[in-house]
PDB file of N, CA and C in Angstrom:
ATOM      1  N   UNK A   1      47.428 -39.447  86.714  1.00  0.00           N
ATOM      2  CA  UNK A   1      47.848 -38.174  87.221  1.00  0.00           C
ATOM      3  C   UNK A   1      47.600 -37.086  86.190  1.00  0.00           C
ATOM      4  N   UNK A   2      46.762 -36.225  86.592  1.00  0.00           N
ATOM      5  CA  UNK A   2      46.484 -35.120  85.689  1.00  0.00           C
ATOM      6  C   UNK A   2      47.010 -33.829  86.304  1.00  0.00           C
ATOM      7  N   UNK A   3      47.454 -32.993  85.447  1.00  0.00           N
ATOM      8  CA  UNK A   3      47.927 -31.683  85.913  1.00  0.00           C
ATOM      9  C   UNK A   3      46.819 -30.672  85.749  1.00  0.00           C
ATOM     10  N   UNK A   4      46.654 -29.887  86.784  1.00  0.00           N
ATOM     11  CA  UNK A   4      45.678 -28.822  86.668  1.00  0.00           C
ATOM     12  C   UNK A   4      46.336 -27.644  85.965  1.00  0.00           C
ATOM     13  N   UNK A   5      45.627 -27.082  85.076  1.00  0.00           N
ATOM     14  CA  UNK A   5      46.174 -25.927  84.367  1.00  0.00           C
ATOM     15  C   UNK A   5      45.690 -24.654  85.047  1.00  0.00           C
ATOM     16  N   UNK A   6      46.594 -23.756  85.132  1.00  0.00           N
ATOM     17  CA  UNK A   6      46.252 -22.470  85.717  1.00  0.00           C
ATOM     18  C   UNK A   6      45.515 -21.637  84.682  1.00  0.00           C
ATOM     19  N   UNK A   7      44.527 -20.909  85.137  1.00  0.00           N
ATOM     20  CA  UNK A   7      43.859 -20.037  84.159  1.00  0.00           C
ATOM     21  C   UNK A   7      44.831 -18.944  83.704  1.00  0.00           C
ATOM     22  N   UNK A   8      44.798 -18.672  82.454  1.00  0.00           N
ATOM     23  CA  UNK A   8      45.683 -17.646  81.901  1.00  0.00           C
ATOM     24  C   UNK A   8      45.147 -16.269  82.273  1.00  0.00           C
ATOM     25  N   UNK A   9      46.051 -15.446  82.695  1.00  0.00           N
ATOM     26  CA  UNK A   9      45.653 -14.071  82.989  1.00  0.00           C
ATOM     27  C   UNK A   9      45.683 -13.274  81.708  1.00  0.00           C
ATOM     28  N   UNK A  10      44.780 -12.384  81.624  1.00  0.00           N
ATOM     29  CA  UNK A  10      44.691 -11.586  80.419  1.00  0.00           C
ATOM     30  C   UNK A  10      45.739 -10.476  80.478  1.00  0.00           C
ATOM     31  N   UNK A  11      46.535 -10.374  79.452  1.00  0.00           N
ATOM     32  CA  UNK A  11      47.564  -9.344  79.398  1.00  0.00           C
ATOM     33  C   UNK A  11      46.990  -8.083  78.776  1.00  0.00           C
ATOM     34  N   UNK A  12      47.393  -6.992  79.354  1.00  0.00           N
ATOM     35  CA  UNK A  12      46.959  -5.724  78.759  1.00  0.00           C
ATOM     36  C   UNK A  12      47.949  -5.348  77.675  1.00  0.00           C
ATOM     37  N   UNK A  13      47.464  -4.877  76.563  1.00  0.00           N
ATOM     38  CA  UNK A  13      48.381  -4.523  75.494  1.00  0.00           C
ATOM     39  C   UNK A  13      49.237  -3.319  75.895  1.00  0.00           C
ATOM     40  N   UNK A  14      50.449  -3.320  75.397  1.00  0.00           N
ATOM     41  CA  UNK A  14      51.358  -2.215  75.693  1.00  0.00           C
ATOM     42  C   UNK A  14      50.844  -0.933  75.042  1.00  0.00           C
ATOM     43  N   UNK A  15      50.983   0.154  75.771  1.00  0.00           N
ATOM     44  CA  UNK A  15      50.575   1.433  75.218  1.00  0.00           C
ATOM     45  C   UNK A  15      51.587   1.870  74.172  1.00  0.00           C
ATOM     46  N   UNK A  16      51.091   2.264  73.068  1.00  0.00           N
ATOM     47  CA  UNK A  16      51.982   2.712  72.001  1.00  0.00           C
ATOM     48  C   UNK A  16      51.916   4.227  71.922  1.00  0.00           C
ATOM     49  N   UNK A  17      53.074   4.813  71.868  1.00  0.00           N
ATOM     50  CA  UNK A  17      53.128   6.264  71.743  1.00  0.00           C
ATOM     51  C   UNK A  17      53.850   6.626  70.462  1.00  0.00           C
ATOM     52  N   UNK A  18      53.617   7.803  70.013  1.00  0.00           N
ATOM     53  CA  UNK A  18      54.247   8.243  68.778  1.00  0.00           C
ATOM     54  C   UNK A  18      55.679   8.708  69.013  1.00  0.00           C
ATOM     55  N   UNK A  19      56.113   8.737  70.275  1.00  0.00           N
ATOM     56  CA  UNK A  19      57.465   9.196  70.565  1.00  0.00           C
ATOM     57  C   UNK A  19      57.527  10.698  70.807  1.00  0.00           C
ATOM     58  N   UNK A  20      56.443  11.391  70.528  1.00  0.00           N
ATOM     59  CA  UNK A  20      56.402  12.827  70.741  1.00  0.00           C
ATOM     60  C   UNK A  20      55.791  13.102  72.106  1.00  0.00           C
ATOM     61  N   UNK A  21      56.333  14.064  72.789  1.00  0.00           N
ATOM     62  CA  UNK A  21      55.777  14.418  74.091  1.00  0.00           C
ATOM     63  C   UNK A  21      55.037  15.737  73.978  1.00  0.00           C
ATOM     64  N   UNK A  22      54.005  15.854  74.778  1.00  0.00           N
ATOM     65  CA  UNK A  22      53.242  17.100  74.796  1.00  0.00           C
ATOM     66  C   UNK A  22      53.980  18.115  75.643  1.00  0.00           C
ATOM     67  N   UNK A  23      54.024  19.351  75.217  1.00  0.00           N
ATOM     68  CA  UNK A  23      54.649  20.362  76.068  1.00  0.00           C
ATOM     69  C   UNK A  23      53.804  20.605  77.300  1.00  0.00           C
ATOM     70  N   UNK A  24      54.451  20.967  78.402  1.00  0.00           N
ATOM     71  CA  UNK A  24      53.748  21.234  79.643  1.00  0.00           C
ATOM     72  C   UNK A  24      52.941  22.514  79.539  1.00  0.00           C
ATOM     73  N   UNK A  25      52.069  22.733  80.496  1.00  0.00           N
ATOM     74  CA  UNK A  25      51.250  23.942  80.465  1.00  0.00           C
ATOM     75  C   UNK A  25      52.097  25.196  80.639  1.00  0.00           C
ATOM     76  N   UNK A  26      51.745  26.232  79.947  1.00  0.00           N
ATOM     77  CA  UNK A  26      52.465  27.496  80.029  1.00  0.00           C
ATOM     78  C   UNK A  26      51.498  28.591  80.417  1.00  0.00           C
ATOM     79  N   UNK A  27      51.990  29.559  81.144  1.00  0.00           N
ATOM     80  CA  UNK A  27      51.180  30.702  81.527  1.00  0.00           C
ATOM     81  C   UNK A  27      51.626  31.874  80.666  1.00  0.00           C
ATOM     82  N   UNK A  28      50.744  32.347  79.826  1.00  0.00           N
ATOM     83  CA  UNK A  28      51.043  33.457  78.919  1.00  0.00           C
ATOM     84  C   UNK A  28      52.289  33.196  78.083  1.00  0.00           C
ATOM     85  N   UNK A  29      52.562  31.936  77.754  1.00  0.00           N
ATOM     86  CA  UNK A  29      53.685  31.615  76.894  1.00  0.00           C
ATOM     87  C   UNK A  29      55.036  31.687  77.577  1.00  0.00           C
ATOM     88  N   UNK A  30      55.096  31.907  78.901  1.00  0.00           N
ATOM     89  CA  UNK A  30      56.376  31.957  79.586  1.00  0.00           C
ATOM     90  C   UNK A  30      56.397  30.929  80.704  1.00  0.00           C
ATOM     91  N   UNK A  31      57.584  30.512  81.078  1.00  0.00           N
ATOM     92  CA  UNK A  31      57.729  29.534  82.146  1.00  0.00           C
ATOM     93  C   UNK A  31      57.671  30.219  83.507  1.00  0.00           C
ATOM     94  N   UNK A  32      57.501  29.418  84.544  1.00  0.00           N
ATOM     95  CA  UNK A  32      57.494  29.970  85.891  1.00  0.00           C
ATOM     96  C   UNK A  32      58.863  30.561  86.227  1.00  0.00           C
ATOM     97  N   UNK A  33      59.913  29.909  85.734  1.00  0.00           N
ATOM     98  CA  UNK A  33      61.262  30.424  85.978  1.00  0.00           C
ATOM     99  C   UNK A  33      61.419  31.805  85.351  1.00  0.00           C
ATOM    100  N   UNK A  34      60.932  31.971  84.135  1.00  0.00           N
ATOM    101  CA  UNK A  34      61.024  33.275  83.466  1.00  0.00           C
ATOM    102  C   UNK A  34      60.200  34.326  84.212  1.00  0.00           C
ATOM    103  N   UNK A  35      59.038  33.940  84.701  1.00  0.00           N
ATOM    104  CA  UNK A  35      58.210  34.880  85.457  1.00  0.00           C
ATOM    105  C   UNK A  35      58.875  35.252  86.779  1.00  0.00           C
ATOM    106  N   UNK A  36      59.524  34.283  87.420  1.00  0.00           N
ATOM    107  CA  UNK A  36      60.237  34.548  88.673  1.00  0.00           C
ATOM    108  C   UNK A  36      61.393  35.510  88.421  1.00  0.00           C
ATOM    109  N   UNK A  37      62.141  35.282  87.353  1.00  0.00           N
ATOM    110  CA  UNK A  37      63.244  36.181  87.001  1.00  0.00           C
ATOM    111  C   UNK A  37      62.722  37.581  86.741  1.00  0.00           C
ATOM    112  N   UNK A  38      61.581  37.679  86.065  1.00  0.00           N
ATOM    113  CA  UNK A  38      60.984  38.987  85.788  1.00  0.00           C
ATOM    114  C   UNK A  38      60.596  39.692  87.090  1.00  0.00           C
ATOM    115  N   UNK A  39      60.012  38.958  88.046  1.00  0.00           N
ATOM    116  CA  UNK A  39      59.630  39.551  89.334  1.00  0.00           C
ATOM    117  C   UNK A  39      60.853  40.061  90.088  1.00  0.00           C
ATOM    118  N   UNK A  40      61.907  39.263  90.079  1.00  0.00           N
ATOM    119  CA  UNK A  40      63.109  39.616  90.830  1.00  0.00           C
ATOM    120  C   UNK A  40      63.955  40.669  90.124  1.00  0.00           C
ATOM    121  N   UNK A  41      63.700  40.912  88.849  1.00  0.00           N
ATOM    122  CA  UNK A  41      64.458  41.914  88.096  1.00  0.00           C
ATOM    123  C   UNK A  41      63.925  43.326  88.305  1.00  0.00           C
ATOM    124  N   UNK A  42      62.740  43.450  88.869  1.00  0.00           N
ATOM    125  CA  UNK A  42      62.189  44.780  89.130  1.00  0.00           C
ATOM    126  C   UNK A  42      63.061  45.529  90.128  1.00  0.00           C
ATOM    127  N   UNK A  43      62.994  46.829  90.064  1.00  0.00           N
ATOM    128  CA  UNK A  43      63.791  47.667  90.965  1.00  0.00           C
ATOM    129  C   UNK A  43      63.467  47.369  92.425  1.00  0.00           C
ATOM    130  N   UNK A  44      62.194  47.118  92.729  1.00  0.00           N
ATOM    131  CA  UNK A  44      61.788  46.847  94.106  1.00  0.00           C
ATOM    132  C   UNK A  44      61.992  45.384  94.495  1.00  0.00           C
ATOM    133  N   UNK A  45      62.222  44.491  93.534  1.00  0.00           N
ATOM    134  CA  UNK A  45      62.393  43.073  93.833  1.00  0.00           C
ATOM    135  C   UNK A  45      61.089  42.441  94.275  1.00  0.00           C
ATOM    136  N   UNK A  46      61.184  41.349  95.029  1.00  0.00           N
ATOM    137  CA  UNK A  46      59.993  40.651  95.518  1.00  0.00           C
ATOM    138  C   UNK A  46      60.337  39.921  96.808  1.00  0.00           C
ATOM    139  N   UNK A  47      59.344  39.757  97.664  1.00  0.00           N
ATOM    140  CA  UNK A  47      59.566  39.004  98.894  1.00  0.00           C
ATOM    141  C   UNK A  47      59.020  37.589  98.737  1.00  0.00           C
ATOM    142  N   UNK A  48      59.382  36.722  99.664  1.00  0.00           N
ATOM    143  CA  UNK A  48      58.995  35.314  99.594  1.00  0.00           C
ATOM    144  C   UNK A  48      57.479  35.158  99.577  1.00  0.00           C
ATOM    145  N   UNK A  49      56.785  35.970 100.371  1.00  0.00           N
ATOM    146  CA  UNK A  49      55.318  35.867 100.435  1.00  0.00           C
ATOM    147  C   UNK A  49      54.670  36.198  99.091  1.00  0.00           C
ATOM    148  N   UNK A  50      55.164  37.236  98.419  1.00  0.00           N
ATOM    149  CA  UNK A  50      54.597  37.632  97.124  1.00  0.00           C
ATOM    150  C   UNK A  50      54.837  36.565  96.065  1.00  0.00           C
ATOM    151  N   UNK A  51      56.043  35.991  96.068  1.00  0.00           N
ATOM    152  CA  UNK A  51      56.372  34.942  95.096  1.00  0.00           C
ATOM    153  C   UNK A  51      55.518  33.707  95.364  1.00  0.00           C
ATOM    154  N   UNK A  52      55.411  33.332  96.642  1.00  0.00           N
ATOM    155  CA  UNK A  52      54.611  32.156  97.017  1.00  0.00           C
ATOM    156  C   UNK A  52      53.159  32.318  96.593  1.00  0.00           C
ATOM    157  N   UNK A  53      52.615  33.511  96.796  1.00  0.00           N
ATOM    158  CA  UNK A  53      51.217  33.769  96.434  1.00  0.00           C
ATOM    159  C   UNK A  53      51.013  33.703  94.931  1.00  0.00           C
ATOM    160  N   UNK A  54      51.929  34.287  94.171  1.00  0.00           N
ATOM    161  CA  UNK A  54      51.780  34.315  92.712  1.00  0.00           C
ATOM    162  C   UNK A  54      51.788  32.909  92.106  1.00  0.00           C
ATOM    163  N   UNK A  55      52.691  32.060  92.587  1.00  0.00           N
ATOM    164  CA  UNK A  55      52.842  30.737  91.986  1.00  0.00           C
ATOM    165  C   UNK A  55      52.111  29.634  92.743  1.00  0.00           C
ATOM    166  N   UNK A  56      51.539  29.949  93.908  1.00  0.00           N
ATOM    167  CA  UNK A  56      50.852  28.936  94.684  1.00  0.00           C
ATOM    168  C   UNK A  56      51.817  27.984  95.363  1.00  0.00           C
ATOM    169  N   UNK A  57      53.024  28.453  95.663  1.00  0.00           N
ATOM    170  CA  UNK A  57      54.050  27.642  96.305  1.00  0.00           C
ATOM    171  C   UNK A  57      54.037  27.872  97.806  1.00  0.00           C
ATOM    172  N   UNK A  58      54.549  26.891  98.544  1.00  0.00           N
ATOM    173  CA  UNK A  58      54.813  27.061  99.960  1.00  0.00           C
ATOM    174  C   UNK A  58      56.128  27.830 100.106  1.00  0.00           C
ATOM    175  N   UNK A  59      56.350  28.478 101.248  1.00  0.00           N
ATOM    176  CA  UNK A  59      57.573  29.273 101.402  1.00  0.00           C
ATOM    177  C   UNK A  59      58.868  28.483 101.176  1.00  0.00           C
ATOM    178  N   UNK A  60      58.922  27.216 101.610  1.00  0.00           N
ATOM    179  CA  UNK A  60      60.160  26.456 101.412  1.00  0.00           C
ATOM    180  C   UNK A  60      60.404  26.161  99.931  1.00  0.00           C
ATOM    181  N   UNK A  61      59.349  26.038  99.147  1.00  0.00           N
ATOM    182  CA  UNK A  61      59.487  25.831  97.708  1.00  0.00           C
ATOM    183  C   UNK A  61      60.013  27.101  97.050  1.00  0.00           C
ATOM    184  N   UNK A  62      59.530  28.240  97.509  1.00  0.00           N
ATOM    185  CA  UNK A  62      59.989  29.521  96.985  1.00  0.00           C
ATOM    186  C   UNK A  62      61.475  29.711  97.272  1.00  0.00           C
ATOM    187  N   UNK A  63      61.891  29.409  98.500  1.00  0.00           N
ATOM    188  CA  UNK A  63      63.304  29.545  98.841  1.00  0.00           C
ATOM    189  C   UNK A  63      64.162  28.585  98.021  1.00  0.00           C
ATOM    190  N   UNK A  64      63.644  27.397  97.736  1.00  0.00           N
ATOM    191  CA  UNK A  64      64.370  26.436  96.894  1.00  0.00           C
ATOM    192  C   UNK A  64      64.517  26.971  95.473  1.00  0.00           C
ATOM    193  N   UNK A  65      63.486  27.643  94.956  1.00  0.00           N
ATOM    194  CA  UNK A  65      63.554  28.238  93.612  1.00  0.00           C
ATOM    195  C   UNK A  65      64.612  29.342  93.582  1.00  0.00           C
ATOM    196  N   UNK A  66      64.686  30.124  94.656  1.00  0.00           N
ATOM    197  CA  UNK A  66      65.713  31.168  94.734  1.00  0.00           C
ATOM    198  C   UNK A  66      67.105  30.540  94.763  1.00  0.00           C
ATOM    199  N   UNK A  67      67.254  29.445  95.492  1.00  0.00           N
ATOM    200  CA  UNK A  67      68.537  28.740  95.534  1.00  0.00           C
ATOM    201  C   UNK A  67      68.892  28.184  94.158  1.00  0.00           C
ATOM    202  N   UNK A  68      67.893  27.700  93.443  1.00  0.00           N
ATOM    203  CA  UNK A  68      68.120  27.197  92.090  1.00  0.00           C
ATOM    204  C   UNK A  68      68.606  28.278  91.151  1.00  0.00           C
ATOM    205  N   UNK A  69      68.066  29.487  91.299  1.00  0.00           N
ATOM    206  CA  UNK A  69      68.532  30.604  90.479  1.00  0.00           C
ATOM    207  C   UNK A  69      69.986  30.942  90.812  1.00  0.00           C
ATOM    208  N   UNK A  70      70.321  30.919  92.100  1.00  0.00           N
ATOM    209  CA  UNK A  70      71.712  31.175  92.499  1.00  0.00           C
ATOM    210  C   UNK A  70      72.634  30.130  91.891  1.00  0.00           C
ATOM    211  N   UNK A  71      72.210  28.875  91.932  1.00  0.00           N
ATOM    212  CA  UNK A  71      73.012  27.788  91.388  1.00  0.00           C
ATOM    213  C   UNK A  71      73.181  27.931  89.873  1.00  0.00           C
ATOM    214  N   UNK A  72      72.178  28.513  89.217  1.00  0.00           N
ATOM    215  CA  UNK A  72      72.237  28.727  87.772  1.00  0.00           C
ATOM    216  C   UNK A  72      73.111  29.923  87.396  1.00  0.00           C
ATOM    217  N   UNK A  73      73.603  30.670  88.407  1.00  0.00           N
ATOM    218  CA  UNK A  73      74.514  31.765  88.118  1.00  0.00           C
ATOM    219  C   UNK A  73      73.955  33.153  88.358  1.00  0.00           C
ATOM    220  N   UNK A  74      72.702  33.253  88.750  1.00  0.00           N
ATOM    221  CA  UNK A  74      72.121  34.563  89.047  1.00  0.00           C
ATOM    222  C   UNK A  74      72.638  35.038  90.403  1.00  0.00           C
ATOM    223  N   UNK A  75      72.904  36.331  90.513  1.00  0.00           N
ATOM    224  CA  UNK A  75      73.289  36.895  91.801  1.00  0.00           C
ATOM    225  C   UNK A  75      72.065  37.577  92.394  1.00  0.00           C
ATOM    226  N   UNK A  76      71.660  37.104  93.571  1.00  0.00           N
ATOM    227  CA  UNK A  76      70.494  37.656  94.255  1.00  0.00           C
ATOM    228  C   UNK A  76      70.957  38.437  95.478  1.00  0.00           C
ATOM    229  N   UNK A  77      70.376  39.600  95.649  1.00  0.00           N
ATOM    230  CA  UNK A  77      70.710  40.432  96.800  1.00  0.00           C
ATOM    231  C   UNK A  77      69.494  40.530  97.711  1.00  0.00           C
ATOM    232  N   UNK A  78      69.600  39.988  98.928  1.00  0.00           N
ATOM    233  CA  UNK A  78      68.494  40.169  99.877  1.00  0.00           C
ATOM    234  C   UNK A  78      68.568  41.567 100.491  1.00  0.00           C
ATOM    235  N   UNK A  79      67.440  42.216 100.590  1.00  0.00           N
ATOM    236  CA  UNK A  79      67.384  43.553 101.171  1.00  0.00           C
ATOM    237  C   UNK A  79      66.481  43.511 102.388  1.00  0.00           C
ATOM    238  N   UNK A  80      67.047  43.775 103.552  1.00  0.00           N
ATOM    239  CA  UNK A  80      66.247  43.778 104.782  1.00  0.00           C
ATOM    240  C   UNK A  80      65.439  45.066 104.828  1.00  0.00           C
ATOM    241  N   UNK A  81      64.176  44.913 105.115  1.00  0.00           N
ATOM    242  CA  UNK A  81      63.284  46.058 105.176  1.00  0.00           C
ATOM    243  C   UNK A  81      63.147  46.525 106.623  1.00  0.00           C
ATOM    244  N   UNK A  82      62.780  47.770 106.793  1.00  0.00           N
ATOM    245  CA  UNK A  82      62.592  48.332 108.133  1.00  0.00           C
ATOM    246  C   UNK A  82      61.238  47.901 108.697  1.00  0.00           C
ATOM    247  N   UNK A  83      61.048  48.123 109.960  1.00  0.00           N
ATOM    248  CA  UNK A  83      59.780  47.875 110.656  1.00  0.00           C
ATOM    249  C   UNK A  83      59.350  46.415 110.635  1.00  0.00           C
ATOM    250  N   UNK A  84      60.297  45.486 110.568  1.00  0.00           N
ATOM    251  CA  UNK A  84      59.963  44.070 110.651  1.00  0.00           C
ATOM    252  C   UNK A  84      59.306  43.495 109.400  1.00  0.00           C
ATOM    253  N   UNK A  85      59.335  44.207 108.295  1.00  0.00           N
ATOM    254  CA  UNK A  85      58.765  43.682 107.054  1.00  0.00           C
ATOM    255  C   UNK A  85      59.693  42.594 106.514  1.00  0.00           C
ATOM    256  N   UNK A  86      59.165  41.652 105.727  1.00  0.00           N
ATOM    257  CA  UNK A  86      60.011  40.569 105.216  1.00  0.00           C
ATOM    258  C   UNK A  86      61.058  41.077 104.222  1.00  0.00           C
ATOM    259  N   UNK A  87      62.161  40.349 104.149  1.00  0.00           N
ATOM    260  CA  UNK A  87      63.235  40.702 103.216  1.00  0.00           C
ATOM    261  C   UNK A  87      62.745  40.579 101.782  1.00  0.00           C
ATOM    262  N   UNK A  88      63.266  41.446 100.943  1.00  0.00           N
ATOM    263  CA  UNK A  88      62.956  41.400  99.515  1.00  0.00           C
ATOM    264  C   UNK A  88      64.212  40.956  98.782  1.00  0.00           C
ATOM    265  N   UNK A  89      64.030  40.255  97.691  1.00  0.00           N
ATOM    266  CA  UNK A  89      65.158  39.757  96.911  1.00  0.00           C
ATOM    267  C   UNK A  89      65.133  40.401  95.532  1.00  0.00           C
ATOM    268  N   UNK A  90      66.334  40.726  95.047  1.00  0.00           N
ATOM    269  CA  UNK A  90      66.477  41.340  93.731  1.00  0.00           C
ATOM    270  C   UNK A  90      67.620  40.665  92.998  1.00  0.00           C
ATOM    271  N   UNK A  91      67.495  40.546  91.681  1.00  0.00           N
ATOM    272  CA  UNK A  91      68.592  40.026  90.864  1.00  0.00           C
ATOM    273  C   UNK A  91      69.528  41.197  90.589  1.00  0.00           C
ATOM    274  N   UNK A  92      70.811  41.016  90.938  1.00  0.00           N
ATOM    275  CA  UNK A  92      71.785  42.077  90.695  1.00  0.00           C
ATOM    276  C   UNK A  92      72.675  41.764  89.500  1.00  0.00           C
ATOM    277  N   UNK A  93      72.801  40.488  89.139  1.00  0.00           N
ATOM    278  CA  UNK A  93      73.595  40.098  87.974  1.00  0.00           C
ATOM    279  C   UNK A  93      73.034  38.799  87.425  1.00  0.00           C
ATOM    280  N   UNK A  94      73.043  38.689  86.096  1.00  0.00           N
ATOM    281  CA  UNK A  94      72.560  37.483  85.440  1.00  0.00           C
ATOM    282  C   UNK A  94      73.754  36.728  84.842  1.00  0.00           C
ATOM    283  N   UNK A  95      73.639  35.420  84.679  1.00  0.00           N
ATOM    284  CA  UNK A  95      74.758  34.669  84.094  1.00  0.00           C
ATOM    285  C   UNK A  95      75.016  35.086  82.655  1.00  0.00           C
ATOM    286  N   UNK A  96      76.229  34.920  82.223  1.00  0.00           N
ATOM    287  CA  UNK A  96      76.636  35.347  80.884  1.00  0.00           C
ATOM    288  C   UNK A  96      75.848  34.606  79.800  1.00  0.00           C
ATOM    289  N   UNK A  97      75.580  33.323  79.976  1.00  0.00           N
ATOM    290  CA  UNK A  97      74.844  32.553  78.978  1.00  0.00           C
ATOM    291  C   UNK A  97      73.427  33.064  78.785  1.00  0.00           C
ATOM    292  N   UNK A  98      72.768  33.547  79.862  1.00  0.00           N
ATOM    293  CA  UNK A  98      71.416  34.060  79.759  1.00  0.00           C
ATOM    294  C   UNK A  98      71.383  35.502  79.288  1.00  0.00           C
ATOM    295  N   UNK A  99      72.486  36.204  79.375  1.00  0.00           N
ATOM    296  CA  UNK A  99      72.517  37.617  78.982  1.00  0.00           C
ATOM    297  C   UNK A  99      72.423  37.779  77.485  1.00  0.00           C
ATOM    298  N   UNK A 100      72.895  36.800  76.730  1.00  0.00           N
ATOM    299  CA  UNK A 100      72.912  36.915  75.268  1.00  0.00           C
ATOM    300  C   UNK A 100      71.571  36.662  74.648  1.00  0.00           C
TER     301      UNK A 100
END
């Protein structure tokens, strides 16, 4: 009685990393969140379509980003425009931690 031996599978060596992570891509040295805050801080504010176009987001992603800002403590004021134009959003108050 002989036992058949299974062929050994070749193991791939584990990837070794230095423990350092590369920073993500930045646009002009600022984050998308910072750029969104800057857009919404303008006197005229910004509408969902303008934000979506600037960042390449779908409208539901843009609305989620606005909700995230609210959750972070920013106060957003929606302003309904006349003649059926889309609502514009403006930051009316920033959280105390970000103000400093």
